[in-house]
């Protein structure tokens, strides 16, 4: 049964409205995934959508009817309002709304939890990597990564201690046999965020929402190669769940 939904988040960041605007328009590969907006109201938006509001650096709204790759939705809208904060920085209001047509509770729960993780990653990008060019890579695990304990299997397979909480510095395994030092910038039962000086690694426990475990990499190092990174991480996930 079709039903509307709305997810609202408000937060402050120590970044100018112009920096926030750049992050949500041309810098999305640094914290979400690469997207393109035609820079005008009425222009083309990602996933076959339309730019409903384009008012830099104050407001961006993208609206999609029957979004590509989302058969359980008939409408999706992302609205961003950015205001300067007294003394510096910005206040941001983010509203994700639309219509789910099936499995409403699970879809809403997944979208809400993903929103918190994505917006946290946006804040990490603005704090540590704002304005830097990035290479984005993303892969999903095999069918076995749908299992109830798949996120734990993946995290342990990367060498992450179960007790490593947010704020801890850990050493974890990346493809190729290297071990790198990273800050655990996000961790709950559904997602893990790891940040190094040159990259952010995002581990998604989508097994909790009917999907596979996945990982995305936002790599700010010179010479980073998306295809090589995706191939290496695909092999790694496949081996963890073989």
Foldseek 3Di string as FASTA:
>chain_A
DKDKDKAKDKDWAQFFLQLLQCCVAQVVVQQHNGWHWDQDAQTAGPQRWGFNDHDPSAKTKIKDACGPPQNQFGIWMWIWGWDADVPGTIMIMIMIMGMGNPPVVLVVVVVNVVVVRRVLSSRVCRVQPGPFDWDKAKDFFDPLQLDPCNLVLVCVLQVHDPPQAAQDWDWGAAFPGDTDIWGFHDDDPAKTWTDDNFKIKIWGSCSVSRGGIMIMMTGRDPPDDRVVRNVRVHVSSHVSRD
